[in-house]
mmCIF file of all heavy atoms, coordinates in Angstrom:
data_MODEL
# 
_entry.id   MODEL 
# 
loop_
_atom_site.group_PDB 
_atom_site.id 
_atom_site.type_symbol 
_atom_site.label_atom_id 
_atom_site.label_alt_id 
_atom_site.label_comp_id 
_atom_site.label_asym_id 
_atom_site.label_entity_id 
_atom_site.label_seq_id 
_atom_site.pdbx_PDB_ins_code 
_atom_site.Cartn_x 
_atom_site.Cartn_y 
_atom_site.Cartn_z 
_atom_site.occupancy 
_atom_site.B_iso_or_equiv 
_atom_site.pdbx_formal_charge 
_atom_site.auth_seq_id 
_atom_site.auth_comp_id 
_atom_site.auth_asym_id 
_atom_site.auth_atom_id 
_atom_site.pdbx_PDB_model_num 
ATOM 1   N N   . TYR A 1 1  ? -9.730  -15.819 12.596  1.00 0.00 ? 1  TYR A N   1 
ATOM 2   C CA  . TYR A 1 1  ? -10.505 -14.609 12.322  1.00 0.00 ? 1  TYR A CA  1 
ATOM 3   C C   . TYR A 1 1  ? -11.059 -14.676 10.887  1.00 0.00 ? 1  TYR A C   1 
ATOM 4   O O   . TYR A 1 1  ? -10.343 -15.016 9.959   1.00 0.00 ? 1  TYR A O   1 
ATOM 5   C CB  . TYR A 1 1  ? -9.619  -13.349 12.435  1.00 0.00 ? 1  TYR A CB  1 
ATOM 6   C CG  . TYR A 1 1  ? -9.004  -13.181 13.796  1.00 0.00 ? 1  TYR A CG  1 
ATOM 7   C CD1 . TYR A 1 1  ? -7.766  -13.749 14.100  1.00 0.00 ? 1  TYR A CD1 1 
ATOM 8   C CD2 . TYR A 1 1  ? -9.686  -12.469 14.792  1.00 0.00 ? 1  TYR A CD2 1 
ATOM 9   C CE1 . TYR A 1 1  ? -7.201  -13.601 15.350  1.00 0.00 ? 1  TYR A CE1 1 
ATOM 10  C CE2 . TYR A 1 1  ? -9.108  -12.333 16.047  1.00 0.00 ? 1  TYR A CE2 1 
ATOM 11  C CZ  . TYR A 1 1  ? -7.881  -12.887 16.335  1.00 0.00 ? 1  TYR A CZ  1 
ATOM 12  O OH  . TYR A 1 1  ? -7.339  -12.722 17.569  1.00 0.00 ? 1  TYR A OH  1 
ATOM 13  N N   . GLU A 1 2  ? -12.309 -14.358 10.741  1.00 0.00 ? 2  GLU A N   1 
ATOM 14  C CA  . GLU A 1 2  ? -12.925 -14.283 9.436   1.00 0.00 ? 2  GLU A CA  1 
ATOM 15  C C   . GLU A 1 2  ? -12.588 -12.985 8.769   1.00 0.00 ? 2  GLU A C   1 
ATOM 16  O O   . GLU A 1 2  ? -12.715 -11.945 9.382   1.00 0.00 ? 2  GLU A O   1 
ATOM 17  C CB  . GLU A 1 2  ? -14.438 -14.421 9.575   1.00 0.00 ? 2  GLU A CB  1 
ATOM 18  C CG  . GLU A 1 2  ? -15.012 -15.587 8.780   1.00 0.00 ? 2  GLU A CG  1 
ATOM 19  C CD  . GLU A 1 2  ? -16.526 -15.644 8.863   1.00 0.00 ? 2  GLU A CD  1 
ATOM 20  O OE1 . GLU A 1 2  ? -17.173 -14.613 9.100   1.00 0.00 ? 2  GLU A OE1 1 
ATOM 21  O OE2 . GLU A 1 2  ? -17.053 -16.733 8.611   1.00 0.00 ? 2  GLU A OE2 1 
ATOM 22  N N   . VAL A 1 3  ? -12.146 -13.071 7.529   1.00 0.00 ? 3  VAL A N   1 
ATOM 23  C CA  . VAL A 1 3  ? -11.800 -11.883 6.764   1.00 0.00 ? 3  VAL A CA  1 
ATOM 24  C C   . VAL A 1 3  ? -12.949 -11.530 5.810   1.00 0.00 ? 3  VAL A C   1 
ATOM 25  O O   . VAL A 1 3  ? -13.491 -12.414 5.173   1.00 0.00 ? 3  VAL A O   1 
ATOM 26  C CB  . VAL A 1 3  ? -10.511 -12.110 5.972   1.00 0.00 ? 3  VAL A CB  1 
ATOM 27  C CG1 . VAL A 1 3  ? -10.138 -10.899 5.156   1.00 0.00 ? 3  VAL A CG1 1 
ATOM 28  C CG2 . VAL A 1 3  ? -9.347  -12.521 6.897   1.00 0.00 ? 3  VAL A CG2 1 
ATOM 29  N N   . PRO A 1 4  ? -13.351 -10.279 5.751   1.00 0.00 ? 4  PRO A N   1 
ATOM 30  C CA  . PRO A 1 4  ? -14.425 -9.902  4.837   1.00 0.00 ? 4  PRO A CA  1 
ATOM 31  C C   . PRO A 1 4  ? -14.057 -10.155 3.388   1.00 0.00 ? 4  PRO A C   1 
ATOM 32  O O   . PRO A 1 4  ? -12.879 -10.044 3.017   1.00 0.00 ? 4  PRO A O   1 
ATOM 33  C CB  . PRO A 1 4  ? -14.630 -8.408  5.116   1.00 0.00 ? 4  PRO A CB  1 
ATOM 34  C CG  . PRO A 1 4  ? -13.330 -7.951  5.674   1.00 0.00 ? 4  PRO A CG  1 
ATOM 35  C CD  . PRO A 1 4  ? -12.776 -9.115  6.457   1.00 0.00 ? 4  PRO A CD  1 
ATOM 36  N N   . PRO A 1 5  ? -15.025 -10.485 2.575   1.00 0.00 ? 5  PRO A N   1 
ATOM 37  C CA  . PRO A 1 5  ? -14.729 -10.856 1.170   1.00 0.00 ? 5  PRO A CA  1 
ATOM 38  C C   . PRO A 1 5  ? -14.471 -9.652  0.273   1.00 0.00 ? 5  PRO A C   1 
ATOM 39  O O   . PRO A 1 5  ? -15.281 -9.311  -0.618  1.00 0.00 ? 5  PRO A O   1 
ATOM 40  C CB  . PRO A 1 5  ? -16.007 -11.598 0.743   1.00 0.00 ? 5  PRO A CB  1 
ATOM 41  C CG  . PRO A 1 5  ? -17.068 -10.968 1.562   1.00 0.00 ? 5  PRO A CG  1 
ATOM 42  C CD  . PRO A 1 5  ? -16.445 -10.624 2.885   1.00 0.00 ? 5  PRO A CD  1 
ATOM 43  N N   . MET A 1 6  ? -13.400 -8.942  0.520   1.00 0.00 ? 6  MET A N   1 
ATOM 44  C CA  . MET A 1 6  ? -13.010 -7.815  -0.309  1.00 0.00 ? 6  MET A CA  1 
ATOM 45  C C   . MET A 1 6  ? -12.046 -8.247  -1.369  1.00 0.00 ? 6  MET A C   1 
ATOM 46  O O   . MET A 1 6  ? -11.223 -9.149  -1.161  1.00 0.00 ? 6  MET A O   1 
ATOM 47  C CB  . MET A 1 6  ? -12.360 -6.673  0.526   1.00 0.00 ? 6  MET A CB  1 
ATOM 48  C CG  . MET A 1 6  ? -13.302 -5.981  1.481   1.00 0.00 ? 6  MET A CG  1 
ATOM 49  S SD  . MET A 1 6  ? -12.468 -4.598  2.335   1.00 0.00 ? 6  MET A SD  1 
ATOM 50  C CE  . MET A 1 6  ? -12.293 -3.428  0.975   1.00 0.00 ? 6  MET A CE  1 
ATOM 51  N N   . GLU A 1 7  ? -12.122 -7.631  -2.538  1.00 0.00 ? 7  GLU A N   1 
ATOM 52  C CA  . GLU A 1 7  ? -11.188 -7.908  -3.619  1.00 0.00 ? 7  GLU A CA  1 
ATOM 53  C C   . GLU A 1 7  ? -9.780  -7.421  -3.212  1.00 0.00 ? 7  GLU A C   1 
ATOM 54  O O   . GLU A 1 7  ? -9.636  -6.472  -2.461  1.00 0.00 ? 7  GLU A O   1 
ATOM 55  C CB  . GLU A 1 7  ? -11.614 -7.199  -4.925  1.00 0.00 ? 7  GLU A CB  1 
ATOM 56  C CG  . GLU A 1 7  ? -12.892 -7.743  -5.514  1.00 0.00 ? 7  GLU A CG  1 
ATOM 57  C CD  . GLU A 1 7  ? -12.717 -9.185  -6.010  1.00 0.00 ? 7  GLU A CD  1 
ATOM 58  O OE1 . GLU A 1 7  ? -11.653 -9.461  -6.567  1.00 0.00 ? 7  GLU A OE1 1 
ATOM 59  O OE2 . GLU A 1 7  ? -13.682 -9.964  -5.844  1.00 0.00 ? 7  GLU A OE2 1 
ATOM 60  N N   . PRO A 1 8  ? -8.723  -8.066  -3.748  1.00 0.00 ? 8  PRO A N   1 
ATOM 61  C CA  . PRO A 1 8  ? -7.350  -7.563  -3.490  1.00 0.00 ? 8  PRO A CA  1 
ATOM 62  C C   . PRO A 1 8  ? -7.260  -6.097  -3.992  1.00 0.00 ? 8  PRO A C   1 
ATOM 63  O O   . PRO A 1 8  ? -7.945  -5.675  -4.907  1.00 0.00 ? 8  PRO A O   1 
ATOM 64  C CB  . PRO A 1 8  ? -6.465  -8.465  -4.362  1.00 0.00 ? 8  PRO A CB  1 
ATOM 65  C CG  . PRO A 1 8  ? -7.260  -9.739  -4.494  1.00 0.00 ? 8  PRO A CG  1 
ATOM 66  C CD  . PRO A 1 8  ? -8.713  -9.309  -4.543  1.00 0.00 ? 8  PRO A CD  1 
ATOM 67  N N   . MET A 1 9  ? -6.362  -5.360  -3.346  1.00 0.00 ? 9  MET A N   1 
ATOM 68  C CA  . MET A 1 9  ? -6.199  -3.966  -3.722  1.00 0.00 ? 9  MET A CA  1 
ATOM 69  C C   . MET A 1 9  ? -5.588  -3.845  -5.117  1.00 0.00 ? 9  MET A C   1 
ATOM 70  O O   . MET A 1 9  ? -4.758  -4.678  -5.530  1.00 0.00 ? 9  MET A O   1 
ATOM 71  C CB  . MET A 1 9  ? -5.289  -3.237  -2.701  1.00 0.00 ? 9  MET A CB  1 
ATOM 72  C CG  . MET A 1 9  ? -5.904  -3.167  -1.321  1.00 0.00 ? 9  MET A CG  1 
ATOM 73  S SD  . MET A 1 9  ? -4.931  -2.238  -0.129  1.00 0.00 ? 9  MET A SD  1 
ATOM 74  C CE  . MET A 1 9  ? -5.219  -0.553  -0.719  1.00 0.00 ? 9  MET A CE  1 
ATOM 75  N N   . ASN A 1 10 ? -5.993  -2.821  -5.849  1.00 0.00 ? 10 ASN A N   1 
ATOM 76  C CA  . ASN A 1 10 ? -5.472  -2.555  -7.199  1.00 0.00 ? 10 ASN A CA  1 
ATOM 77  C C   . ASN A 1 10 ? -4.887  -1.158  -7.201  1.00 0.00 ? 10 ASN A C   1 
ATOM 78  O O   . ASN A 1 10 ? -5.611  -0.157  -7.130  1.00 0.00 ? 10 ASN A O   1 
ATOM 79  C CB  . ASN A 1 10 ? -6.580  -2.658  -8.209  1.00 0.00 ? 10 ASN A CB  1 
ATOM 80  C CG  . ASN A 1 10 ? -6.113  -2.399  -9.639  1.00 0.00 ? 10 ASN A CG  1 
ATOM 81  O OD1 . ASN A 1 10 ? -4.925  -2.190  -9.904  1.00 0.00 ? 10 ASN A OD1 1 
ATOM 82  N ND2 . ASN A 1 10 ? -7.034  -2.341  -10.580 1.00 0.00 ? 10 ASN A ND2 1 
ATOM 83  N N   . PHE A 1 11 ? -3.539  -1.067  -7.294  1.00 0.00 ? 11 PHE A N   1 
ATOM 84  C CA  . PHE A 1 11 ? -2.862  0.231   -7.158  1.00 0.00 ? 11 PHE A CA  1 
ATOM 85  C C   . PHE A 1 11 ? -2.691  0.987   -8.464  1.00 0.00 ? 11 PHE A C   1 
ATOM 86  O O   . PHE A 1 11 ? -2.227  2.128   -8.452  1.00 0.00 ? 11 PHE A O   1 
ATOM 87  C CB  . PHE A 1 11 ? -1.481  -0.005  -6.547  1.00 0.00 ? 11 PHE A CB  1 
ATOM 88  C CG  . PHE A 1 11 ? -1.512  -0.716  -5.206  1.00 0.00 ? 11 PHE A CG  1 
ATOM 89  C CD1 . PHE A 1 11 ? -1.051  -2.013  -5.090  1.00 0.00 ? 11 PHE A CD1 1 
ATOM 90  C CD2 . PHE A 1 11 ? -2.010  -0.096  -4.090  1.00 0.00 ? 11 PHE A CD2 1 
ATOM 91  C CE1 . PHE A 1 11 ? -1.058  -2.678  -3.861  1.00 0.00 ? 11 PHE A CE1 1 
ATOM 92  C CE2 . PHE A 1 11 ? -2.030  -0.725  -2.865  1.00 0.00 ? 11 PHE A CE2 1 
ATOM 93  C CZ  . PHE A 1 11 ? -1.542  -2.020  -2.757  1.00 0.00 ? 11 PHE A CZ  1 
ATOM 94  N N   . LYS A 1 12 ? -3.054  0.387   -9.575  1.00 0.00 ? 12 LYS A N   1 
ATOM 95  C CA  . LYS A 1 12 ? -2.778  0.977   -10.889 1.00 0.00 ? 12 LYS A CA  1 
ATOM 96  C C   . LYS A 1 12 ? -3.388  2.374   -10.996 1.00 0.00 ? 12 LYS A C   1 
ATOM 97  O O   . LYS A 1 12 ? -4.621  2.562   -10.813 1.00 0.00 ? 12 LYS A O   1 
ATOM 98  C CB  . LYS A 1 12 ? -3.363  0.061   -11.977 1.00 0.00 ? 12 LYS A CB  1 
ATOM 99  C CG  . LYS A 1 12 ? -3.168  0.584   -13.411 1.00 0.00 ? 12 LYS A CG  1 
ATOM 100 C CD  . LYS A 1 12 ? -1.687  0.555   -13.809 1.00 0.00 ? 12 LYS A CD  1 
ATOM 101 C CE  . LYS A 1 12 ? -1.499  0.899   -15.274 1.00 0.00 ? 12 LYS A CE  1 
ATOM 102 N NZ  . LYS A 1 12 ? -0.084  0.988   -15.636 1.00 0.00 ? 12 LYS A NZ  1 
ATOM 103 N N   . SER A 1 13 ? -2.547  3.366   -11.266 1.00 0.00 ? 13 SER A N   1 
ATOM 104 C CA  . SER A 1 13 ? -2.935  4.778   -11.471 1.00 0.00 ? 13 SER A CA  1 
ATOM 105 C C   . SER A 1 13 ? -3.630  5.361   -10.237 1.00 0.00 ? 13 SER A C   1 
ATOM 106 O O   . SER A 1 13 ? -4.296  6.399   -10.375 1.00 0.00 ? 13 SER A O   1 
ATOM 107 C CB  . SER A 1 13 ? -3.813  4.899   -12.706 1.00 0.00 ? 13 SER A CB  1 
ATOM 108 O OG  . SER A 1 13 ? -3.153  4.454   -13.852 1.00 0.00 ? 13 SER A OG  1 
ATOM 109 N N   . ARG A 1 14 ? -3.499  4.762   -9.081  1.00 0.00 ? 14 ARG A N   1 
ATOM 110 C CA  . ARG A 1 14 ? -4.101  5.275   -7.858  1.00 0.00 ? 14 ARG A CA  1 
ATOM 111 C C   . ARG A 1 14 ? -3.023  5.871   -6.968  1.00 0.00 ? 14 ARG A C   1 
ATOM 112 O O   . ARG A 1 14 ? -1.842  5.470   -7.025  1.00 0.00 ? 14 ARG A O   1 
ATOM 113 C CB  . ARG A 1 14 ? -4.889  4.173   -7.136  1.00 0.00 ? 14 ARG A CB  1 
ATOM 114 C CG  . ARG A 1 14 ? -6.200  3.853   -7.839  1.00 0.00 ? 14 ARG A CG  1 
ATOM 115 C CD  . ARG A 1 14 ? -6.850  2.641   -7.288  1.00 0.00 ? 14 ARG A CD  1 
ATOM 116 N NE  . ARG A 1 14 ? -8.289  2.649   -7.535  1.00 0.00 ? 14 ARG A NE  1 
ATOM 117 C CZ  . ARG A 1 14 ? -9.060  1.551   -7.440  1.00 0.00 ? 14 ARG A CZ  1 
ATOM 118 N NH1 . ARG A 1 14 ? -8.507  0.384   -7.130  1.00 0.00 ? 14 ARG A NH1 1 
ATOM 119 N NH2 . ARG A 1 14 ? -10.330 1.629   -7.718  1.00 0.00 ? 14 ARG A NH2 1 
ATOM 120 N N   . TRP A 1 15 ? -3.445  6.777   -6.080  1.00 0.00 ? 15 TRP A N   1 
ATOM 121 C CA  . TRP A 1 15 ? -2.532  7.465   -5.200  1.00 0.00 ? 15 TRP A CA  1 
ATOM 122 C C   . TRP A 1 15 ? -2.427  6.759   -3.857  1.00 0.00 ? 15 TRP A C   1 
ATOM 123 O O   . TRP A 1 15 ? -3.429  6.492   -3.202  1.00 0.00 ? 15 TRP A O   1 
ATOM 124 C CB  . TRP A 1 15 ? -2.973  8.909   -5.007  1.00 0.00 ? 15 TRP A CB  1 
ATOM 125 C CG  . TRP A 1 15 ? -2.700  9.779   -6.211  1.00 0.00 ? 15 TRP A CG  1 
ATOM 126 C CD1 . TRP A 1 15 ? -3.575  10.007  -7.227  1.00 0.00 ? 15 TRP A CD1 1 
ATOM 127 C CD2 . TRP A 1 15 ? -1.529  10.522  -6.490  1.00 0.00 ? 15 TRP A CD2 1 
ATOM 128 N NE1 . TRP A 1 15 ? -2.999  10.867  -8.143  1.00 0.00 ? 15 TRP A NE1 1 
ATOM 129 C CE2 . TRP A 1 15 ? -1.745  11.191  -7.720  1.00 0.00 ? 15 TRP A CE2 1 
ATOM 130 C CE3 . TRP A 1 15 ? -0.308  10.678  -5.828  1.00 0.00 ? 15 TRP A CE3 1 
ATOM 131 C CZ2 . TRP A 1 15 ? -0.763  11.997  -8.298  1.00 0.00 ? 15 TRP A CZ2 1 
ATOM 132 C CZ3 . TRP A 1 15 ? 0.686   11.511  -6.401  1.00 0.00 ? 15 TRP A CZ3 1 
ATOM 133 C CH2 . TRP A 1 15 ? 0.417   12.135  -7.625  1.00 0.00 ? 15 TRP A CH2 1 
ATOM 134 N N   . VAL A 1 16 ? -1.202  6.505   -3.444  1.00 0.00 ? 16 VAL A N   1 
ATOM 135 C CA  . VAL A 1 16 ? -0.917  5.870   -2.138  1.00 0.00 ? 16 VAL A CA  1 
ATOM 136 C C   . VAL A 1 16 ? 0.034   6.743   -1.367  1.00 0.00 ? 16 VAL A C   1 
ATOM 137 O O   . VAL A 1 16 ? 1.123   7.092   -1.867  1.00 0.00 ? 16 VAL A O   1 
ATOM 138 C CB  . VAL A 1 16 ? -0.315  4.472   -2.302  1.00 0.00 ? 16 VAL A CB  1 
ATOM 139 C CG1 . VAL A 1 16 ? 0.002   3.832   -0.939  1.00 0.00 ? 16 VAL A CG1 1 
ATOM 140 C CG2 . VAL A 1 16 ? -1.257  3.565   -3.076  1.00 0.00 ? 16 VAL A CG2 1 
ATOM 141 N N   . MET A 1 17 ? -0.315  7.140   -0.134  1.00 0.00 ? 17 MET A N   1 
ATOM 142 C CA  . MET A 1 17 ? 0.563   7.914   0.712   1.00 0.00 ? 17 MET A CA  1 
ATOM 143 C C   . MET A 1 17 ? 1.526   6.957   1.426   1.00 0.00 ? 17 MET A C   1 
ATOM 144 O O   . MET A 1 17 ? 1.126   5.923   1.904   1.00 0.00 ? 17 MET A O   1 
ATOM 145 C CB  . MET A 1 17 ? -0.260  8.687   1.735   1.00 0.00 ? 17 MET A CB  1 
ATOM 146 C CG  . MET A 1 17 ? 0.631   9.441   2.755   1.00 0.00 ? 17 MET A CG  1 
ATOM 147 S SD  . MET A 1 17 ? -0.271  10.119  4.166   1.00 0.00 ? 17 MET A SD  1 
ATOM 148 C CE  . MET A 1 17 ? -1.180  11.430  3.342   1.00 0.00 ? 17 MET A CE  1 
ATOM 149 N N   . ILE A 1 18 ? 2.834   7.351   1.459   1.00 0.00 ? 18 ILE A N   1 
ATOM 150 C CA  . ILE A 1 18 ? 3.807   6.591   2.210   1.00 0.00 ? 18 ILE A CA  1 
ATOM 151 C C   . ILE A 1 18 ? 4.576   7.548   3.114   1.00 0.00 ? 18 ILE A C   1 
ATOM 152 O O   . ILE A 1 18 ? 5.198   8.502   2.622   1.00 0.00 ? 18 ILE A O   1 
ATOM 153 C CB  . ILE A 1 18 ? 4.793   5.867   1.286   1.00 0.00 ? 18 ILE A CB  1 
ATOM 154 C CG1 . ILE A 1 18 ? 4.037   4.928   0.312   1.00 0.00 ? 18 ILE A CG1 1 
ATOM 155 C CG2 . ILE A 1 18 ? 5.836   5.093   2.063   1.00 0.00 ? 18 ILE A CG2 1 
ATOM 156 C CD1 . ILE A 1 18 ? 4.965   4.227   -0.695  1.00 0.00 ? 18 ILE A CD1 1 
ATOM 157 N N   . THR A 1 19 ? 4.541   7.307   4.386   1.00 0.00 ? 19 THR A N   1 
ATOM 158 C CA  . THR A 1 19 ? 5.327   8.152   5.322   1.00 0.00 ? 19 THR A CA  1 
ATOM 159 C C   . THR A 1 19 ? 6.688   7.511   5.537   1.00 0.00 ? 19 THR A C   1 
ATOM 160 O O   . THR A 1 19 ? 6.883   6.296   5.385   1.00 0.00 ? 19 THR A O   1 
ATOM 161 C CB  . THR A 1 19 ? 4.618   8.333   6.677   1.00 0.00 ? 19 THR A CB  1 
ATOM 162 O OG1 . THR A 1 19 ? 4.501   7.031   7.328   1.00 0.00 ? 19 THR A OG1 1 
ATOM 163 C CG2 . THR A 1 19 ? 3.235   8.916   6.499   1.00 0.00 ? 19 THR A CG2 1 
ATOM 164 N N   . GLY A 1 20 ? 7.679   8.306   5.823   1.00 0.00 ? 20 GLY A N   1 
ATOM 165 C CA  . GLY A 1 20 ? 9.051   7.813   5.913   1.00 0.00 ? 20 GLY A CA  1 
ATOM 166 C C   . GLY A 1 20 ? 9.540   7.380   4.543   1.00 0.00 ? 20 GLY A C   1 
ATOM 167 O O   . GLY A 1 20 ? 10.336  6.396   4.431   1.00 0.00 ? 20 GLY A O   1 
ATOM 168 N N   . ALA A 1 21 ? 9.190   8.125   3.500   1.00 0.00 ? 21 ALA A N   1 
ATOM 169 C CA  . ALA A 1 21 ? 9.477   7.675   2.110   1.00 0.00 ? 21 ALA A CA  1 
ATOM 170 C C   . ALA A 1 21 ? 10.821  8.079   1.584   1.00 0.00 ? 21 ALA A C   1 
ATOM 171 O O   . ALA A 1 21 ? 11.145  7.731   0.448   1.00 0.00 ? 21 ALA A O   1 
ATOM 172 C CB  . ALA A 1 21 ? 8.368   8.216   1.195   1.00 0.00 ? 21 ALA A CB  1 
ATOM 173 N N   . SER A 1 22 ? 11.615  8.811   2.343   1.00 0.00 ? 22 SER A N   1 
ATOM 174 C CA  . SER A 1 22 ? 12.879  9.310   1.807   1.00 0.00 ? 22 SER A CA  1 
ATOM 175 C C   . SER A 1 22 ? 14.021  8.324   1.877   1.00 0.00 ? 22 SER A C   1 
ATOM 176 O O   . SER A 1 22 ? 15.076  8.533   1.238   1.00 0.00 ? 22 SER A O   1 
ATOM 177 C CB  . SER A 1 22 ? 13.271  10.606  2.535   1.00 0.00 ? 22 SER A CB  1 
ATOM 178 O OG  . SER A 1 22 ? 13.537  10.333  3.917   1.00 0.00 ? 22 SER A OG  1 
ATOM 179 N N   . ALA A 1 23 ? 13.870  7.246   2.634   1.00 0.00 ? 23 ALA A N   1 
ATOM 180 C CA  . ALA A 1 23 ? 14.950  6.302   2.800   1.00 0.00 ? 23 ALA A CA  1 
ATOM 181 C C   . ALA A 1 23 ? 14.400  4.959   3.273   1.00 0.00 ? 23 ALA A C   1 
ATOM 182 O O   . ALA A 1 23 ? 13.230  4.818   3.615   1.00 0.00 ? 23 ALA A O   1 
ATOM 183 C CB  . ALA A 1 23 ? 15.970  6.814   3.852   1.00 0.00 ? 23 ALA A CB  1 
ATOM 184 N N   . GLY A 1 24 ? 15.275  3.960   3.236   1.00 0.00 ? 24 GLY A N   1 
ATOM 185 C CA  . GLY A 1 24 ? 14.952  2.663   3.850   1.00 0.00 ? 24 GLY A CA  1 
ATOM 186 C C   . GLY A 1 24 ? 13.746  1.987   3.217   1.00 0.00 ? 24 GLY A C   1 
ATOM 187 O O   . GLY A 1 24 ? 13.521  2.006   2.005   1.00 0.00 ? 24 GLY A O   1 
ATOM 188 N N   . LEU A 1 25 ? 12.973  1.365   4.111   1.00 0.00 ? 25 LEU A N   1 
ATOM 189 C CA  . LEU A 1 25 ? 11.786  0.597   3.657   1.00 0.00 ? 25 LEU A CA  1 
ATOM 190 C C   . LEU A 1 25 ? 10.790  1.502   2.925   1.00 0.00 ? 25 LEU A C   1 
ATOM 191 O O   . LEU A 1 25 ? 10.232  1.094   1.914   1.00 0.00 ? 25 LEU A O   1 
ATOM 192 C CB  . LEU A 1 25 ? 11.128  -0.057  4.864   1.00 0.00 ? 25 LEU A CB  1 
ATOM 193 C CG  . LEU A 1 25 ? 9.891   -0.890  4.558   1.00 0.00 ? 25 LEU A CG  1 
ATOM 194 C CD1 . LEU A 1 25 ? 10.185  -2.039  3.580   1.00 0.00 ? 25 LEU A CD1 1 
ATOM 195 C CD2 . LEU A 1 25 ? 9.271   -1.441  5.833   1.00 0.00 ? 25 LEU A CD2 1 
ATOM 196 N N   . GLY A 1 26 ? 10.575  2.709   3.461   1.00 0.00 ? 26 GLY A N   1 
ATOM 197 C CA  . GLY A 1 26 ? 9.578   3.591   2.811   1.00 0.00 ? 26 GLY A CA  1 
ATOM 198 C C   . GLY A 1 26 ? 9.963   3.944   1.382   1.00 0.00 ? 26 GLY A C   1 
ATOM 199 O O   . GLY A 1 26 ? 9.099   3.934   0.510   1.00 0.00 ? 26 GLY A O   1 
ATOM 200 N N   . ARG A 1 27 ? 11.207  4.218   1.153   1.00 0.00 ? 27 ARG A N   1 
ATOM 201 C CA  . ARG A 1 27 ? 11.646  4.541   -0.229  1.00 0.00 ? 27 ARG A CA  1 
ATOM 202 C C   . ARG A 1 27 ? 11.495  3.336   -1.118  1.00 0.00 ? 27 ARG A C   1 
ATOM 203 O O   . ARG A 1 27 ? 11.046  3.452   -2.265  1.00 0.00 ? 27 ARG A O   1 
ATOM 204 C CB  . ARG A 1 27 ? 13.097  5.029   -0.200  1.00 0.00 ? 27 ARG A CB  1 
ATOM 205 C CG  . ARG A 1 27 ? 13.613  5.476   -1.568  1.00 0.00 ? 27 ARG A CG  1 
ATOM 206 C CD  . ARG A 1 27 ? 15.036  5.993   -1.463  1.00 0.00 ? 27 ARG A CD  1 
ATOM 207 N NE  . ARG A 1 27 ? 15.454  6.604   -2.730  1.00 0.00 ? 27 ARG A NE  1 
ATOM 208 C CZ  . ARG A 1 27 ? 15.895  5.902   -3.782  1.00 0.00 ? 27 ARG A CZ  1 
ATOM 209 N NH1 . ARG A 1 27 ? 15.954  4.582   -3.713  1.00 0.00 ? 27 ARG A NH1 1 
ATOM 210 N NH2 . ARG A 1 27 ? 16.220  6.533   -4.882  1.00 0.00 ? 27 ARG A NH2 1 
ATOM 211 N N   . GLU A 1 28 ? 11.861  2.166   -0.647  1.00 0.00 ? 28 GLU A N   1 
ATOM 212 C CA  . GLU A 1 28 ? 11.736  0.951   -1.455  1.00 0.00 ? 28 GLU A CA  1 
ATOM 213 C C   . GLU A 1 28 ? 10.293  0.639   -1.729  1.00 0.00 ? 28 GLU A C   1 
ATOM 214 O O   . GLU A 1 28 ? 9.950   0.164   -2.843  1.00 0.00 ? 28 GLU A O   1 
ATOM 215 C CB  . GLU A 1 28 ? 12.441  -0.212  -0.729  1.00 0.00 ? 28 GLU A CB  1 
ATOM 216 C CG  . GLU A 1 28 ? 12.516  -1.497  -1.560  1.00 0.00 ? 28 GLU A CG  1 
ATOM 217 C CD  . GLU A 1 28 ? 13.387  -1.381  -2.789  1.00 0.00 ? 28 GLU A CD  1 
ATOM 218 O OE1 . GLU A 1 28 ? 14.318  -0.558  -2.805  1.00 0.00 ? 28 GLU A OE1 1 
ATOM 219 O OE2 . GLU A 1 28 ? 13.109  -2.116  -3.779  1.00 0.00 ? 28 GLU A OE2 1 
ATOM 220 N N   . LEU A 1 29 ? 9.415   0.841   -0.777  1.00 0.00 ? 29 LEU A N   1 
ATOM 221 C CA  . LEU A 1 29 ? 7.976   0.643   -0.984  1.00 0.00 ? 29 LEU A CA  1 
ATOM 222 C C   . LEU A 1 29 ? 7.473   1.551   -2.126  1.00 0.00 ? 29 LEU A C   1 
ATOM 223 O O   . LEU A 1 29 ? 6.697   1.150   -3.005  1.00 0.00 ? 29 LEU A O   1 
ATOM 224 C CB  . LEU A 1 29 ? 7.195   0.902   0.278   1.00 0.00 ? 29 LEU A CB  1 
ATOM 225 C CG  . LEU A 1 29 ? 7.311   -0.172  1.375   1.00 0.00 ? 29 LEU A CG  1 
ATOM 226 C CD1 . LEU A 1 29 ? 6.801   0.414   2.714   1.00 0.00 ? 29 LEU A CD1 1 
ATOM 227 C CD2 . LEU A 1 29 ? 6.525   -1.414  1.007   1.00 0.00 ? 29 LEU A CD2 1 
# 
């Protein structure tokens, strides 16, 4: 599969939603 030429994501000072964030993998993420 060809992947579009997008730059890697940059999370610095940006908001990311995480569901299941209270425990396990979600909390660690």
